[in-house]
């Protein structure tokens, strides 16, 4: 009720803040039910086709690139002992 009574003042303040006549009226709706009841959950619908699952990938069935990656990663990483020696020399 209060918003309905102060509607014109609120419109004037909003338009003054924006610098243009962006709001012409404020319509306050009467209170109603909070939410519409859901008839069914989206995941319970039977219209969607079942998802086909492929084979489970494990380390044993992984691709050759997956098995090769750890050794490549460790080869690209600098040795901790060499990094410590380099840091001491630079100071």
Protein backbone atom coordinates (compact mmCIF):
# COMPACT_ATOMS: atom_id res chain seq x y z
CA UNK A 1 0.00 0.00 0.00
CA UNK A 2 2.74 2.41 0.87
CA UNK A 3 4.44 1.94 -2.51
CA UNK A 4 1.18 2.81 -4.26
CA UNK A 5 0.85 6.02 -2.28
CA UNK A 6 4.44 7.04 -2.89
CA UNK A 7 4.50 5.94 -6.54
CA UNK A 8 4.64 9.43 -8.06
CA UNK A 9 7.42 10.52 -5.73
CA UNK A 10 9.41 7.39 -6.53
CA UNK A 11 8.99 7.97 -10.27
CA UNK A 12 10.18 11.56 -9.89
CA UNK A 13 13.25 10.51 -7.88
CA UNK A 14 14.19 7.76 -10.33
CA UNK A 15 13.88 10.09 -13.31
CA UNK A 16 15.90 12.78 -11.50
CA UNK A 17 18.69 10.29 -10.81
CA UNK A 18 18.83 8.96 -14.37
CA UNK A 19 18.54 12.37 -15.99
CA UNK A 20 15.85 11.19 -18.39
CA UNK A 21 12.24 10.14 -18.20
CA UNK A 22 12.92 6.43 -18.08
CA UNK A 23 10.07 5.54 -15.69
CA UNK A 24 6.50 6.68 -16.27
CA UNK A 25 4.64 4.69 -13.63
CA UNK A 26 5.18 2.05 -10.99
CA UNK A 27 2.60 -0.67 -10.84
CA UNK A 28 2.45 -2.54 -7.54
CA UNK A 29 1.01 -5.99 -7.90
CA UNK A 30 -1.20 -7.52 -5.23
CA UNK A 31 0.32 -10.25 -3.13
CA UNK A 32 -0.20 -13.72 -4.50
CA UNK A 33 1.18 -17.19 -4.16
CA UNK A 34 4.93 -17.28 -3.68
CA UNK A 35 5.78 -19.81 -6.37
CA UNK A 36 3.91 -21.89 -8.85
CA UNK A 37 3.96 -25.56 -7.87
CA UNK A 38 6.20 -27.71 -10.00
CA UNK A 39 4.46 -30.67 -11.53
CA UNK A 40 7.62 -32.67 -12.20
CA UNK A 41 11.32 -32.24 -11.88
CA UNK A 42 13.20 -31.72 -15.16
CA UNK A 43 15.36 -34.79 -14.59
CA UNK A 44 12.29 -37.01 -14.22
CA UNK A 45 10.95 -36.39 -17.72
CA UNK A 46 10.81 -39.47 -19.89
CA UNK A 47 10.97 -37.55 -23.17
CA UNK A 48 14.76 -37.36 -23.16
CA UNK A 49 16.50 -40.38 -24.68
CA UNK A 50 18.80 -42.35 -22.39
CA UNK A 51 22.44 -41.38 -22.56
CA UNK A 52 24.75 -44.04 -23.90
CA UNK A 53 27.86 -44.49 -21.83
CA UNK A 54 31.12 -45.55 -23.38
CA UNK A 55 33.74 -47.73 -21.83
CA UNK A 56 35.28 -46.59 -18.57
CA UNK A 57 38.75 -45.15 -19.14
CA UNK A 58 41.40 -46.22 -16.66
CA UNK A 59 45.16 -45.86 -16.61
CA UNK A 60 45.50 -49.21 -18.27
CA UNK A 61 43.12 -48.32 -21.13
CA UNK A 62 44.31 -44.71 -21.49
CA UNK A 63 45.85 -43.43 -24.69
CA UNK A 64 49.59 -43.53 -25.26
CA UNK A 65 49.78 -39.73 -24.99
CA UNK A 66 48.23 -39.83 -21.53
CA UNK A 67 50.79 -42.37 -20.36
CA UNK A 68 53.65 -40.38 -21.90
CA UNK A 69 52.66 -37.01 -20.39
CA UNK A 70 54.12 -37.48 -16.87
CA UNK A 71 57.58 -38.25 -18.20
CA UNK A 72 57.49 -35.27 -20.55
CA UNK A 73 56.32 -33.01 -17.73
CA UNK A 74 59.12 -34.11 -15.42
CA UNK A 75 61.68 -33.70 -18.22
CA UNK A 76 60.59 -30.12 -18.80
CA UNK A 77 60.73 -29.24 -15.10
CA UNK A 78 64.09 -27.88 -13.93
CA UNK A 79 66.00 -29.89 -11.39
CA UNK A 80 65.63 -28.49 -7.86
CA UNK A 81 69.34 -28.90 -7.09
CA UNK A 82 70.36 -26.97 -10.21
CA UNK A 83 67.87 -24.19 -9.43
CA UNK A 84 69.21 -23.83 -5.88
CA UNK A 85 72.82 -23.67 -7.13
CA UNK A 86 71.91 -21.04 -9.75
CA UNK A 87 70.16 -18.91 -7.11
CA UNK A 88 73.22 -18.96 -4.85
CA UNK A 89 75.55 -17.92 -7.67
CA UNK A 90 73.45 -14.94 -8.68
CA UNK A 91 73.53 -13.33 -5.23
